[in-house]
């Protein structure tokens, strides 16, 4: 079969779906299928040298000749919301113009970044007369409400809902990443039979536990292996609620056995670094994110690992790092919405505990409890890795994706 992938971002650009799409493309190529990718020239998160190279590359063939990539010129992506919206619609126009000319296509595939990508991909699929498979990674405009960027009933919300409804209607199959996503779009009128839940997977061969004696991060940061380590790795932004971590660390500063090791980036990362310095929190080490290839070291570093969010935000999705932490057999403390998919996952797997978000006192007390449990002979060993292997491994999820695509095309 031959699939048409319509992407707003593609290698060397990085979004949360990039590594998943790479795995999917590799799997399709390995099983003898062909893919044509249509995407803009890269502008997001790359240096000038890389951008200049790709300005000259309008087409290329990858994955042993099974994947062909056709690129079109596009404006530079900036931080201004209006300029970014203009770029989205420009890319949508060019995507449609090029996509409708594709030959021998059996199905169209697209993900939900940006929100208009699914809408235009549905138009292309209709023009070609083939099924449309939509990978829903982010529910728009709900995500804007969660981020505090708009409110229900606003003009932006109404426009977003129209785009959302049009996309769902045009899709023949919608792959969602959680049961919560499924229930969300079902309440908006999407038929149950159109939806399949396939979680975002991880490569359990690459992400695995690393013993303390083998973890180079201890020496790199001068951290004693006898400390009780609390880790956080991820974005420091408006919706993550990471300020509660700094506040909890301040409450625990007198316990010199507990050390917070934080890795981050994002809009509020510099603010967090300044707060640590101003409060002279010697129990906190804070540094930029490490490269993806060191993810096993990062998530094996801690005795516990933190996941946080602002109230009401956690219902949107399970953070992808959850699976990586669990694959490293590190217990999770999630200061997260307790009625979320993440809370249900941690309870089912035994991979950690979910507590009310935004409470520094509660978070500090739970960390202290886990610290005291470290010395308990009755402490239960975390074995969440097996749960991940059996439910969220790359091979299992990719097999489900391939089966859904084949069933859709066959039907």
Protein backbone atom coordinates (compact mmCIF):
# COMPACT_ATOMS: atom_id res chain seq x y z
CA UNK A 1 0.00 0.00 0.00
CA UNK A 2 1.02 3.62 -0.43
CA UNK A 3 0.24 6.26 2.17
CA UNK A 4 0.33 10.04 1.91
CA UNK A 5 1.65 11.71 5.07
CA UNK A 6 0.80 15.41 5.29
CA UNK A 7 3.05 17.08 7.85
CA UNK A 8 3.43 20.66 9.07
CA UNK A 9 6.73 19.64 10.71
CA UNK A 10 9.18 16.98 9.59
CA UNK A 11 12.80 16.02 10.23
CA UNK A 12 15.04 17.76 11.17
CA UNK A 13 12.33 19.69 13.03
CA UNK A 14 11.24 18.26 16.37
CA UNK A 15 7.76 18.17 17.86
CA UNK A 16 6.36 15.67 20.37
CA UNK A 17 5.14 13.41 17.56
CA UNK A 18 8.44 13.34 15.62
CA UNK A 19 10.00 10.21 17.11
CA UNK A 20 6.65 8.41 16.93
CA UNK A 21 6.26 9.25 13.25
CA UNK A 22 9.83 8.13 12.58
CA UNK A 23 9.05 4.77 14.20
CA UNK A 24 5.85 4.48 12.16
CA UNK A 25 7.63 5.30 8.89
CA UNK A 26 10.38 2.81 9.69
CA UNK A 27 7.82 0.11 10.45
CA UNK A 28 5.90 0.75 7.23
CA UNK A 29 9.14 0.63 5.23
CA UNK A 30 10.29 -2.57 6.94
CA UNK A 31 6.98 -4.26 6.09
CA UNK A 32 7.26 -3.33 2.41
CA UNK A 33 4.91 -0.34 2.24
CA UNK A 34 5.57 3.04 0.66
CA UNK A 35 4.94 6.55 1.97
CA UNK A 36 4.96 9.94 0.31
CA UNK A 37 5.53 12.85 2.71
CA UNK A 38 4.53 16.41 1.85
CA UNK A 39 5.86 19.06 4.23
CA UNK A 40 7.31 22.60 4.34
CA UNK A 41 11.02 23.34 4.39
CA UNK A 42 12.16 23.18 8.03
CA UNK A 43 12.30 26.38 10.09
CA UNK A 44 11.45 25.33 13.64
CA UNK A 45 14.25 24.82 16.17
CA UNK A 46 17.09 24.52 13.66
CA UNK A 47 20.22 26.59 13.11
CA UNK A 48 20.89 28.77 10.07
CA UNK A 49 23.32 26.28 8.56
CA UNK A 50 20.71 23.49 8.59
CA UNK A 51 18.03 25.84 7.28
CA UNK A 52 20.26 26.87 4.36
CA UNK A 53 20.96 23.24 3.48
CA UNK A 54 17.28 22.35 3.35
CA UNK A 55 16.42 25.39 1.25
CA UNK A 56 18.11 23.52 -1.59
CA UNK A 57 16.52 20.15 -0.84
CA UNK A 58 13.02 20.05 -2.31
CA UNK A 59 12.81 16.27 -2.49
CA UNK A 60 14.62 13.28 -1.03
CA UNK A 61 14.21 9.55 -0.56
CA UNK A 62 14.75 7.88 2.81
CA UNK A 63 14.14 4.57 4.59
CA UNK A 64 15.67 2.44 1.86
CA UNK A 65 13.67 4.13 -0.88
CA UNK A 66 10.27 3.40 0.68
CA UNK A 67 9.66 6.99 1.84
CA UNK A 68 9.79 9.96 -0.53
CA UNK A 69 9.73 13.51 0.88
CA UNK A 70 8.56 16.54 -1.09
CA UNK A 71 9.06 19.95 0.49
CA UNK A 72 7.66 23.36 -0.33
CA UNK A 73 8.98 26.78 0.69
CA UNK A 74 7.31 28.38 3.69
CA UNK A 75 7.69 31.50 5.86
CA UNK A 76 9.93 31.36 8.91
CA UNK A 77 8.07 30.31 12.06
CA UNK A 78 8.21 32.98 14.76
CA UNK A 79 6.80 33.42 18.26
CA UNK A 80 4.17 35.99 17.24
CA UNK A 81 0.75 34.20 17.27
CA UNK A 82 -0.56 36.13 14.25
CA UNK A 83 2.56 35.44 12.19
CA UNK A 84 2.39 31.80 13.19
CA UNK A 85 -1.28 31.58 12.16
CA UNK A 86 -0.42 33.12 8.77
CA UNK A 87 2.28 30.49 8.30
CA UNK A 88 -0.17 27.71 9.20
CA UNK A 89 -2.67 28.78 6.56
CA UNK A 90 0.07 29.31 3.96
CA UNK A 91 1.28 25.76 4.62
CA UNK A 92 -2.29 24.47 4.44
CA UNK A 93 -2.75 26.02 1.01
CA UNK A 94 0.48 24.55 -0.33
CA UNK A 95 -0.26 21.19 1.28
CA UNK A 96 -3.60 21.03 -0.50
CA UNK A 97 -2.13 22.14 -3.83
CA UNK A 98 0.56 19.45 -3.74
CA UNK A 99 -1.46 16.75 -1.97
CA UNK A 100 -4.30 16.69 -4.48
CA UNK A 101 -1.80 15.82 -7.24
CA UNK A 102 -0.48 12.70 -5.48
CA UNK A 103 -0.81 9.51 -7.52
CA UNK A 104 -1.56 5.95 -6.44
CA UNK A 105 -2.42 6.83 -2.84
CA UNK A 106 -4.38 4.34 -0.71
CA UNK A 107 -4.92 6.56 2.35
CA UNK A 108 -3.99 9.96 3.82
CA UNK A 109 -2.40 10.23 7.29
CA UNK A 110 -1.95 13.36 9.42
CA UNK A 111 -1.44 14.33 13.06
CA UNK A 112 -3.02 17.20 14.99
CA UNK A 113 -0.10 19.68 15.04
CA UNK A 114 -1.02 22.40 14.16
CA UNK A 115 -4.82 22.27 14.69
CA UNK A 116 -5.59 23.07 11.04
CA UNK A 117 -3.49 20.17 9.74
CA UNK A 118 -6.23 17.59 10.15
CA UNK A 119 -8.78 19.89 8.55
CA UNK A 120 -6.75 20.39 5.35
CA UNK A 121 -5.72 16.72 5.25
CA UNK A 122 -9.37 15.72 5.23
CA UNK A 123 -9.88 17.98 2.21
CA UNK A 124 -6.99 16.31 0.39
CA UNK A 125 -8.29 12.81 1.18
CA UNK A 126 -11.73 13.74 -0.16
CA UNK A 127 -10.19 15.13 -3.35
CA UNK A 128 -8.19 11.92 -3.85
CA UNK A 129 -11.16 9.73 -2.94
CA UNK A 130 -9.27 7.77 -0.27
CA UNK A 131 -9.66 7.19 3.49
CA UNK A 132 -8.25 9.68 6.00
CA UNK A 133 -6.51 8.52 9.20
CA UNK A 134 -6.14 11.19 11.88
CA UNK A 135 -3.72 10.86 14.82
CA UNK A 136 -5.13 13.04 17.60
CA UNK A 137 -2.25 14.13 19.84
CA UNK A 138 -3.80 17.31 21.20
CA UNK A 139 -7.46 18.31 21.51
CA UNK A 140 -7.99 21.81 20.12
CA UNK A 141 -9.43 24.21 21.29
CA UNK A 142 -9.63 22.50 24.70
CA UNK A 143 -5.84 22.82 25.02
CA UNK A 144 -6.09 26.59 24.64
CA UNK A 145 -8.57 26.77 27.51
CA UNK A 146 -6.31 24.59 29.68
CA UNK A 147 -3.40 26.91 28.91
CA UNK A 148 -5.48 29.96 29.82
CA UNK A 149 -5.20 31.37 26.29
CA UNK A 150 -8.96 31.59 25.72
CA UNK A 151 -12.28 30.74 27.33
CA UNK A 152 -15.23 28.62 26.36
CA UNK A 153 -17.61 30.60 24.17
CA UNK A 154 -14.99 33.05 22.88
CA UNK A 155 -14.60 33.76 19.17
CA UNK A 156 -11.34 31.77 19.09
CA UNK A 157 -13.05 28.87 20.82
CA UNK A 158 -15.94 28.89 18.34
CA UNK A 159 -13.56 28.93 15.36
CA UNK A 160 -11.56 26.11 16.92
CA UNK A 161 -14.69 24.02 17.47
CA UNK A 162 -15.71 24.43 13.82
CA UNK A 163 -12.27 23.30 12.66
CA UNK A 164 -12.39 20.42 15.15
CA UNK A 165 -15.85 19.24 14.07
CA UNK A 166 -14.93 19.44 10.39
CA UNK A 167 -11.78 17.38 10.98
CA UNK A 168 -13.58 14.68 12.96
CA UNK A 169 -16.31 14.46 10.34
CA UNK A 170 -13.85 14.05 7.45
CA UNK A 171 -11.71 11.43 9.24
CA UNK A 172 -12.52 7.79 8.55
CA UNK A 173 -10.44 6.67 11.52
CA UNK A 174 -9.31 8.73 14.52
CA UNK A 175 -6.46 7.32 16.59
CA UNK A 176 -6.44 8.85 20.08
CA UNK A 177 -3.76 8.44 22.74
CA UNK A 178 -5.98 7.73 25.77
CA UNK A 179 -9.43 6.75 26.96
CA UNK A 180 -9.88 10.30 28.20
CA UNK A 181 -9.40 11.61 24.66
CA UNK A 182 -11.89 9.05 23.39
CA UNK A 183 -14.55 10.11 25.87
CA UNK A 184 -13.87 13.79 25.12
CA UNK A 185 -14.52 13.56 21.39
CA UNK A 186 -17.43 11.14 21.84
CA UNK A 187 -19.21 13.83 23.86
CA UNK A 188 -18.73 16.05 20.80
CA UNK A 189 -20.61 13.64 18.58
CA UNK A 190 -17.84 11.44 17.15
CA UNK A 191 -19.11 7.86 16.68
CA UNK A 192 -17.46 5.28 18.93
CA UNK A 193 -16.68 2.97 16.02
CA UNK A 194 -14.61 5.69 14.34
CA UNK A 195 -12.19 5.90 17.31
CA UNK A 196 -9.28 3.65 18.23
CA UNK A 197 -7.09 4.12 21.31
CA UNK A 198 -3.37 3.59 20.63
CA UNK A 199 -1.15 5.19 23.27
CA UNK A 200 2.07 6.96 22.41
CA UNK A 201 4.74 4.31 22.77
CA UNK A 202 8.35 4.20 23.82
CA UNK A 203 11.29 2.08 22.73
CA UNK A 204 11.85 -0.14 25.75
CA UNK A 205 15.11 -1.39 24.24
CA UNK A 206 16.56 2.12 24.34
CA UNK A 207 14.88 3.36 27.52
CA UNK A 208 15.65 1.11 30.46
CA UNK A 209 16.87 1.21 34.08
CA UNK A 210 20.49 2.14 34.75
CA UNK A 211 22.04 1.09 38.06
CA UNK A 212 23.38 3.86 40.29
CA UNK A 213 26.91 2.60 40.03
CA UNK A 214 26.68 2.81 36.23
CA UNK A 215 24.88 6.17 35.99
CA UNK A 216 27.42 8.80 34.90
CA UNK A 217 25.19 11.69 36.01
CA UNK A 218 26.16 11.18 39.66
CA UNK A 219 29.78 11.99 38.90
CA UNK A 220 28.96 14.71 36.37
CA UNK A 221 26.89 16.66 38.91
CA UNK A 222 28.90 15.66 41.97
CA UNK A 223 25.92 13.94 43.56
CA UNK A 224 26.34 11.43 46.35
CA UNK A 225 24.78 8.04 45.61
CA UNK A 226 23.62 7.95 49.25
CA UNK A 227 21.27 10.92 48.75
CA UNK A 228 17.54 10.50 48.26
CA UNK A 229 17.15 11.99 44.77
CA UNK A 230 13.96 13.71 43.56
CA UNK A 231 14.04 14.38 39.81
CA UNK A 232 12.01 16.44 37.37
CA UNK A 233 12.75 16.66 33.66
CA UNK A 234 10.64 18.62 31.22
CA UNK A 235 9.14 21.94 30.32
CA UNK A 236 8.91 24.81 32.81
CA UNK A 237 5.86 26.57 31.39
CA UNK A 238 2.50 28.11 32.22
CA UNK A 239 0.59 24.82 32.36
CA UNK A 240 3.18 22.60 34.06
CA UNK A 241 2.88 24.15 37.52
CA UNK A 242 6.56 23.53 38.24
CA UNK A 243 6.69 26.33 40.81
CA UNK A 244 5.29 23.82 43.32
CA UNK A 245 8.54 21.83 43.02
CA UNK A 246 10.71 24.78 44.06
CA UNK A 247 8.31 25.55 46.91
CA UNK A 248 8.36 21.94 48.15
CA UNK A 249 12.16 21.93 47.98
CA UNK A 250 12.21 25.06 50.14
CA UNK A 251 10.06 23.31 52.76
CA UNK A 252 12.45 20.34 52.76
CA UNK A 253 15.71 22.32 52.74
CA UNK A 254 16.65 21.25 56.30
CA UNK A 255 16.68 17.56 55.33
CA UNK A 256 20.14 17.37 53.81
CA UNK A 257 19.58 13.77 52.67
CA UNK A 258 16.96 14.87 50.11
CA UNK A 259 18.27 16.43 46.89
CA UNK A 260 16.21 17.80 43.99
CA UNK A 261 17.84 17.39 40.57
CA UNK A 262 15.88 19.27 37.90
CA UNK A 263 16.32 19.36 34.12
CA UNK A 264 14.29 21.82 32.09
CA UNK A 265 13.60 24.41 29.47
CA UNK A 266 10.65 26.53 28.43
CA UNK A 267 9.26 29.98 29.14
CA UNK A 268 9.65 29.86 32.93
CA UNK A 269 12.93 27.94 33.20
CA UNK A 270 15.14 31.01 33.72
CA UNK A 271 12.69 32.27 36.33
CA UNK A 272 12.98 28.95 38.18
CA UNK A 273 16.79 29.12 38.09
CA UNK A 274 16.72 32.65 39.54
CA UNK A 275 14.33 31.58 42.30
CA UNK A 276 16.61 28.71 43.30
CA UNK A 277 19.56 31.10 43.44
CA UNK A 278 17.70 33.86 45.31
CA UNK A 279 16.39 31.45 47.94
CA UNK A 280 19.84 29.83 48.20
CA UNK A 281 18.36 26.36 47.90
CA UNK A 282 21.44 24.18 48.26
CA UNK A 283 19.18 21.12 48.02
CA UNK A 284 18.35 21.89 44.37
CA UNK A 285 20.47 21.31 41.28
CA UNK A 286 18.86 22.81 38.17
CA UNK A 287 20.21 22.47 34.64
CA UNK A 288 18.99 22.53 31.01
CA UNK A 289 17.52 19.40 29.46
CA UNK A 290 19.99 16.75 28.37
CA UNK A 291 19.97 15.18 24.87
CA UNK A 292 17.31 12.49 24.21
CA UNK A 293 19.94 9.73 24.11
CA UNK A 294 20.56 10.29 27.84
CA UNK A 295 16.93 9.86 28.86
CA UNK A 296 17.59 6.53 30.62
CA UNK A 297 20.26 8.14 32.79
CA UNK A 298 17.96 11.04 33.68
CA UNK A 299 14.97 8.92 34.66
CA UNK A 300 17.09 6.31 36.48
CA UNK A 301 18.78 9.01 38.56
CA UNK A 302 15.97 9.57 41.05
CA UNK A 303 14.50 7.57 43.90
CA UNK A 304 11.28 9.25 42.75
CA UNK A 305 10.44 11.34 39.71
CA UNK A 306 7.93 14.21 39.60
CA UNK A 307 5.21 15.08 37.11
CA UNK A 308 3.26 18.29 37.71
CA UNK A 309 0.51 20.42 36.20
CA UNK A 310 -1.80 23.30 36.98
CA UNK A 311 -5.29 22.44 38.21
CA UNK A 312 -7.61 21.40 35.37
CA UNK A 313 -4.84 20.95 32.81
CA UNK A 314 -4.08 17.28 33.47
CA UNK A 315 -7.29 15.97 31.93
CA UNK A 316 -5.96 16.75 28.45
CA UNK A 317 -3.47 13.87 28.16
CA UNK A 318 -0.94 11.59 29.81
CA UNK A 319 2.49 13.29 29.57
CA UNK A 320 4.67 11.16 27.29
CA UNK A 321 7.54 11.19 29.78
CA UNK A 322 5.35 9.09 32.11
CA UNK A 323 6.07 5.97 30.07
CA UNK A 324 9.82 6.69 29.99
CA UNK A 325 9.95 7.12 33.77
CA UNK A 326 8.03 3.90 34.28
CA UNK A 327 10.26 2.06 31.79
CA UNK A 328 13.19 2.98 34.05
CA UNK A 329 11.35 1.52 37.07
CA UNK A 330 11.37 4.85 38.89
CA UNK A 331 8.33 5.52 41.13
CA UNK A 332 6.32 8.62 40.18
CA UNK A 333 4.83 11.32 42.37
CA UNK A 334 2.34 13.21 40.20
CA UNK A 335 1.02 16.54 41.47
CA UNK A 336 -1.69 16.21 38.87
CA UNK A 337 -5.45 16.20 38.42
CA UNK A 338 -6.63 13.15 40.34
CA UNK A 339 -9.46 12.42 37.90
CA UNK A 340 -7.07 12.21 34.94
CA UNK A 341 -5.88 9.35 32.73
CA UNK A 342 -2.47 9.67 34.40
CA UNK A 343 -3.98 9.06 37.83
CA UNK A 344 -5.79 5.95 36.56
CA UNK A 345 -2.60 4.71 34.86
CA UNK A 346 -0.50 5.04 38.02
CA UNK A 347 -3.12 3.26 40.09
CA UNK A 348 -3.52 0.41 37.59
CA UNK A 349 0.21 -0.11 37.08
CA UNK A 350 1.38 0.56 40.62
CA UNK A 351 3.88 2.96 39.09
CA UNK A 352 3.33 5.77 41.56
CA UNK A 353 0.90 8.07 43.32
CA UNK A 354 -1.22 10.98 42.13
CA UNK A 355 -1.95 13.86 44.50
CA UNK A 356 -3.78 17.16 44.18
CA UNK A 357 -1.77 19.68 42.15
CA UNK A 358 -0.43 23.05 43.31
CA UNK A 359 -0.01 22.09 47.00
CA UNK A 360 3.58 22.52 48.15
CA UNK A 361 2.78 21.18 51.62
CA UNK A 362 1.21 18.01 50.25
CA UNK A 363 4.00 17.42 47.75
CA UNK A 364 6.67 17.94 50.41
CA UNK A 365 4.94 15.55 52.81
CA UNK A 366 4.64 12.80 50.17
CA UNK A 367 8.32 13.18 49.26
CA UNK A 368 9.19 12.89 52.95
CA UNK A 369 7.04 9.76 53.26
CA UNK A 370 8.83 8.19 50.28
CA UNK A 371 12.16 9.17 51.81
CA UNK A 372 11.26 7.40 55.06
CA UNK A 373 10.04 4.35 53.13
CA UNK A 374 13.51 4.06 51.63
CA UNK A 375 14.72 2.65 54.94
CA UNK A 376 11.70 0.40 55.47
CA UNK A 377 12.15 -3.37 55.13
CA UNK A 378 8.55 -3.61 53.85
CA UNK A 379 9.12 -1.19 50.96
CA UNK A 380 7.49 -2.55 47.77
CA UNK A 381 9.78 -2.66 44.77
CA UNK A 382 8.52 -0.69 41.78
CA UNK A 383 8.07 -2.91 38.73
CA UNK A 384 6.28 -0.57 36.35
CA UNK A 385 8.66 -1.47 33.51
CA UNK A 386 6.86 -4.78 32.92
CA UNK A 387 3.57 -2.92 32.67
CA UNK A 388 5.06 -0.61 30.03
CA UNK A 389 6.54 -3.51 28.05
CA UNK A 390 3.18 -5.28 28.00
CA UNK A 391 1.08 -2.22 27.13
CA UNK A 392 3.13 0.66 25.70
CA UNK A 393 6.10 -0.89 23.93
CA UNK A 394 6.93 0.21 20.41
CA UNK A 395 6.30 -3.17 18.79
CA UNK A 396 2.82 -3.58 20.30
CA UNK A 397 1.60 -0.09 19.43
CA UNK A 398 3.07 -0.08 15.92
CA UNK A 399 1.37 -3.41 15.21
CA UNK A 400 -1.95 -1.85 16.25
CA UNK A 401 -1.35 1.15 13.99
CA UNK A 402 -0.53 -1.06 11.01
CA UNK A 403 -3.58 -3.24 11.62
CA UNK A 404 -5.89 -0.23 11.77
CA UNK A 405 -4.45 1.21 8.54
CA UNK A 406 -4.79 -2.10 6.72
CA UNK A 407 -8.33 -2.66 7.98
CA UNK A 408 -9.37 0.83 6.89
CA UNK A 409 -7.91 0.49 3.41
CA UNK A 410 -9.28 -3.06 3.07
CA UNK A 411 -12.78 -1.96 4.04
